[in-house]
Amino acid sequence: MSGLETADHVSVHLTGCAKEDANTVFGALEAAFPEVAEPGAKGPTEADKGGATVWCMVVDARTRATPRAVAPARLTSPVTVDLFGAADPVRQVREELGVVFGVEDHGTVPGEHELEVRLQLGSHPDA
């Protein structure tokens, strides 16, 4: 994360998904939080292919859009999402993901000042 990191920033890590699904998730987050602190990765390089890919972005929860401007979305396969940050900003990001995708909670690890949440996203039932 950048040196400009604040308590309102949430680090979002996606694994187990194709580039198009990562772009769908990041597009939804960029619509919900228009001032993304650090945009998502555009994709692996040729040298990265064959290994595990983690797609990352940092969301600034202070920029949450209201009203919600994101429609339910479809994914080609389930996506594992790890959210890292302070409890309230992580909760806000999780809520926005729930507007757009089907969300299953797969665990929470509380820390002294941070929270780690693992989710699995699927297509929204209304998409």
C-alpha atoms as a PDB file:
ATOM      1  CA  MET A   1       0.000   0.000   0.000  1.00  0.00           C
ATOM      2  CA  SER A   2       1.058   3.567  -0.479  1.00  0.00           C
ATOM      3  CA  GLY A   3       2.483   5.904   2.107  1.00  0.00           C
ATOM      4  CA  LEU A   4      -0.822   7.792   1.964  1.00  0.00           C
ATOM      5  CA  GLU A   5      -2.638   4.900   3.610  1.00  0.00           C
ATOM      6  CA  THR A   6      -5.260   5.903   6.179  1.00  0.00           C
ATOM      7  CA  ALA A   7      -7.562   4.075   8.553  1.00  0.00           C
ATOM      8  CA  ASP A   8     -10.264   4.438   5.869  1.00  0.00           C
ATOM      9  CA  HIS A   9      -8.348   2.385   3.295  1.00  0.00           C
ATOM     10  CA  VAL A  10      -9.275  -1.241   2.687  1.00  0.00           C
ATOM     11  CA  SER A  11      -6.904  -3.546   0.865  1.00  0.00           C
ATOM     12  CA  VAL A  12      -8.822  -5.889  -1.450  1.00  0.00           C
ATOM     13  CA  HIS A  13      -7.135  -9.083  -2.685  1.00  0.00           C
ATOM     14  CA  LEU A  14      -8.809 -11.400  -5.205  1.00  0.00           C
ATOM     15  CA  THR A  15      -7.621 -14.948  -5.869  1.00  0.00           C
ATOM     16  CA  GLY A  16      -8.840 -17.913  -7.847  1.00  0.00           C
ATOM     17  CA  CYS A  17     -10.346 -15.899 -10.667  1.00  0.00           C
ATOM     18  CA  ALA A  18      -9.904 -14.909 -14.276  1.00  0.00           C
ATOM     19  CA  LYS A  19      -8.975 -11.388 -15.344  1.00  0.00           C
ATOM     20  CA  GLU A  20     -12.533 -10.673 -16.530  1.00  0.00           C
ATOM     21  CA  ASP A  21     -13.970 -11.567 -13.105  1.00  0.00           C
ATOM     22  CA  ALA A  22     -11.318  -9.444 -11.356  1.00  0.00           C
ATOM     23  CA  ASN A  23     -12.261  -6.554 -13.635  1.00  0.00           C
ATOM     24  CA  THR A  24     -15.969  -7.079 -12.812  1.00  0.00           C
ATOM     25  CA  VAL A  25     -15.290  -6.967  -9.068  1.00  0.00           C
ATOM     26  CA  PHE A  26     -12.943  -3.979  -9.326  1.00  0.00           C
ATOM     27  CA  GLY A  27     -15.411  -2.147 -11.588  1.00  0.00           C
ATOM     28  CA  ALA A  28     -18.134  -2.603  -8.967  1.00  0.00           C
ATOM     29  CA  LEU A  29     -15.834  -1.306  -6.234  1.00  0.00           C
ATOM     30  CA  GLU A  30     -14.766   1.670  -8.350  1.00  0.00           C
ATOM     31  CA  ALA A  31     -18.443   2.555  -8.908  1.00  0.00           C
ATOM     32  CA  ALA A  32     -19.225   2.231  -5.186  1.00  0.00           C
ATOM     33  CA  PHE A  33     -16.056   4.063  -4.060  1.00  0.00           C
ATOM     34  CA  PRO A  34     -15.268   6.526  -6.886  1.00  0.00           C
ATOM     35  CA  GLU A  35     -11.972   7.711  -5.394  1.00  0.00           C
ATOM     36  CA  VAL A  36     -10.059   4.431  -5.379  1.00  0.00           C
ATOM     37  CA  ALA A  37      -6.832   4.855  -3.398  1.00  0.00           C
ATOM     38  CA  GLU A  38      -4.902   2.413  -5.612  1.00  0.00           C
ATOM     39  CA  PRO A  39      -6.525   0.984  -8.756  1.00  0.00           C
ATOM     40  CA  GLY A  40      -6.635  -2.753  -9.302  1.00  0.00           C
ATOM     41  CA  ALA A  41      -3.930  -4.534 -11.207  1.00  0.00           C
ATOM     42  CA  LYS A  42      -4.555  -4.746 -14.937  1.00  0.00           C
ATOM     43  CA  GLY A  43      -3.361  -8.338 -15.243  1.00  0.00           C
ATOM     44  CA  PRO A  44      -0.437 -10.701 -15.014  1.00  0.00           C
ATOM     45  CA  THR A  45       2.529 -10.341 -17.327  1.00  0.00           C
ATOM     46  CA  GLU A  46       3.731 -13.210 -19.508  1.00  0.00           C
ATOM     47  CA  ALA A  47       6.361 -13.995 -16.860  1.00  0.00           C
ATOM     48  CA  ASP A  48       3.621 -14.330 -14.219  1.00  0.00           C
ATOM     49  CA  LYS A  49       1.485 -16.815 -16.159  1.00  0.00           C
ATOM     50  CA  GLY A  50       1.341 -20.316 -14.754  1.00  0.00           C
ATOM     51  CA  GLY A  51       1.589 -19.245 -11.103  1.00  0.00           C
ATOM     52  CA  ALA A  52      -1.104 -18.113  -8.713  1.00  0.00           C
ATOM     53  CA  THR A  53      -2.396 -14.629  -9.465  1.00  0.00           C
ATOM     54  CA  VAL A  54      -3.545 -12.202  -6.791  1.00  0.00           C
ATOM     55  CA  TRP A  55      -5.422  -9.140  -8.009  1.00  0.00           C
ATOM     56  CA  CYS A  56      -5.139  -6.185  -5.609  1.00  0.00           C
ATOM     57  CA  MET A  57      -6.590  -2.733  -5.130  1.00  0.00           C
ATOM     58  CA  VAL A  58      -6.974  -0.303  -2.253  1.00  0.00           C
ATOM     59  CA  VAL A  59     -10.372   1.294  -1.650  1.00  0.00           C
ATOM     60  CA  ASP A  60     -10.844   4.575   0.228  1.00  0.00           C
ATOM     61  CA  ALA A  61     -14.085   4.010   2.158  1.00  0.00           C
ATOM     62  CA  ARG A  62     -14.522   7.761   2.722  1.00  0.00           C
ATOM     63  CA  THR A  63     -15.527   8.082  -0.944  1.00  0.00           C
ATOM     64  CA  ARG A  64     -18.529   5.732  -0.743  1.00  0.00           C
ATOM     65  CA  ALA A  65     -21.094   6.773  -3.346  1.00  0.00           C
ATOM     66  CA  THR A  66     -24.699   7.336  -2.353  1.00  0.00           C
ATOM     67  CA  PRO A  67     -27.071   6.286  -3.644  1.00  0.00           C
ATOM     68  CA  ARG A  68     -25.573   3.027  -4.798  1.00  0.00           C
ATOM     69  CA  ALA A  69     -24.989   3.195  -8.527  1.00  0.00           C
ATOM     70  CA  VAL A  70     -24.072  -0.446  -9.105  1.00  0.00           C
ATOM     71  CA  ALA A  71     -26.342  -3.130 -10.574  1.00  0.00           C
ATOM     72  CA  PRO A  72     -26.149  -6.840  -9.680  1.00  0.00           C
ATOM     73  CA  ALA A  73     -23.414  -8.603 -11.668  1.00  0.00           C
ATOM     74  CA  ARG A  74     -22.491 -12.034 -12.994  1.00  0.00           C
ATOM     75  CA  LEU A  75     -19.169 -13.813 -12.546  1.00  0.00           C
ATOM     76  CA  THR A  76     -17.907 -16.718 -14.665  1.00  0.00           C
ATOM     77  CA  SER A  77     -16.743 -18.572 -11.522  1.00  0.00           C
ATOM     78  CA  PRO A  78     -16.537 -17.988  -7.754  1.00  0.00           C
ATOM     79  CA  VAL A  79     -13.981 -15.414  -6.589  1.00  0.00           C
ATOM     80  CA  THR A  80     -12.193 -15.473  -3.223  1.00  0.00           C
ATOM     81  CA  VAL A  81     -11.847 -12.004  -1.705  1.00  0.00           C
ATOM     82  CA  ASP A  82      -9.748 -11.007   1.286  1.00  0.00           C
ATOM     83  CA  LEU A  83     -10.415  -7.598   2.829  1.00  0.00           C
ATOM     84  CA  PHE A  84      -7.875  -6.003   5.187  1.00  0.00           C
ATOM     85  CA  GLY A  85      -8.440  -2.805   7.135  1.00  0.00           C
ATOM     86  CA  ALA A  86     -10.214  -1.149  10.047  1.00  0.00           C
ATOM     87  CA  ALA A  87     -13.531  -2.756  10.998  1.00  0.00           C
ATOM     88  CA  ASP A  88     -15.961  -0.070   9.766  1.00  0.00           C
ATOM     89  CA  PRO A  89     -14.353   0.480   6.336  1.00  0.00           C
ATOM     90  CA  VAL A  90     -14.117  -3.300   5.825  1.00  0.00           C
ATOM     91  CA  ARG A  91     -17.822  -3.593   6.716  1.00  0.00           C
ATOM     92  CA  GLN A  92     -18.669  -0.881   4.150  1.00  0.00           C
ATOM     93  CA  VAL A  93     -16.750  -2.645   1.373  1.00  0.00           C
ATOM     94  CA  ARG A  94     -18.404  -5.961   2.288  1.00  0.00           C
ATOM     95  CA  GLU A  95     -21.857  -4.293   2.142  1.00  0.00           C
ATOM     96  CA  GLU A  96     -21.168  -2.876  -1.318  1.00  0.00           C
ATOM     97  CA  LEU A  97     -19.966  -6.247  -2.597  1.00  0.00           C
ATOM     98  CA  GLY A  98     -23.227  -7.735  -1.269  1.00  0.00           C
ATOM     99  CA  VAL A  99     -25.252  -5.299  -3.393  1.00  0.00           C
ATOM    100  CA  VAL A 100     -23.573  -6.512  -6.589  1.00  0.00           C
ATOM    101  CA  PHE A 101     -22.657 -10.168  -5.939  1.00  0.00           C
ATOM    102  CA  GLY A 102     -23.796 -13.192  -4.011  1.00  0.00           C
ATOM    103  CA  VAL A 103     -21.529 -13.218  -0.933  1.00  0.00           C
ATOM    104  CA  GLU A 104     -20.585 -16.059   1.411  1.00  0.00           C
ATOM    105  CA  ASP A 105     -18.598 -15.243   4.546  1.00  0.00           C
ATOM    106  CA  HIS A 106     -15.639 -17.598   4.975  1.00  0.00           C
ATOM    107  CA  GLY A 107     -14.177 -16.211   8.177  1.00  0.00           C
ATOM    108  CA  THR A 108     -12.999 -13.164  10.048  1.00  0.00           C
ATOM    109  CA  VAL A 109      -9.723 -12.639  11.865  1.00  0.00           C
ATOM    110  CA  PRO A 110      -9.754  -9.680  14.258  1.00  0.00           C
ATOM    111  CA  GLY A 111      -6.495  -7.918  14.986  1.00  0.00           C
ATOM    112  CA  GLU A 112      -5.499  -5.153  17.351  1.00  0.00           C
ATOM    113  CA  HIS A 113      -6.268  -2.390  14.854  1.00  0.00           C
ATOM    114  CA  GLU A 114      -7.271  -4.298  11.727  1.00  0.00           C
ATOM    115  CA  LEU A 115      -9.757  -6.852  10.581  1.00  0.00           C
ATOM    116  CA  GLU A 116      -9.261  -9.515   7.931  1.00  0.00           C
ATOM    117  CA  VAL A 117     -12.366 -10.905   6.233  1.00  0.00           C
ATOM    118  CA  ARG A 118     -12.477 -13.712   3.668  1.00  0.00           C
ATOM    119  CA  LEU A 119     -15.458 -13.830   1.317  1.00  0.00           C
ATOM    120  CA  GLN A 120     -16.442 -15.888  -1.663  1.00  0.00           C
ATOM    121  CA  LEU A 121     -18.274 -13.993  -4.379  1.00  0.00           C
ATOM    122  CA  GLY A 122     -20.602 -15.492  -6.934  1.00  0.00           C
ATOM    123  CA  SER A 123     -23.091 -14.070  -9.385  1.00  0.00           C
ATOM    124  CA  HIS A 124     -25.868 -12.056  -7.764  1.00  0.00           C
ATOM    125  CA  PRO A 125     -29.195 -13.958  -7.817  1.00  0.00           C
ATOM    126  CA  ASP A 126     -30.847 -11.015  -9.629  1.00  0.00           C
ATOM    127  CA  ALA A 127     -28.129 -10.697 -12.316  1.00  0.00           C
END
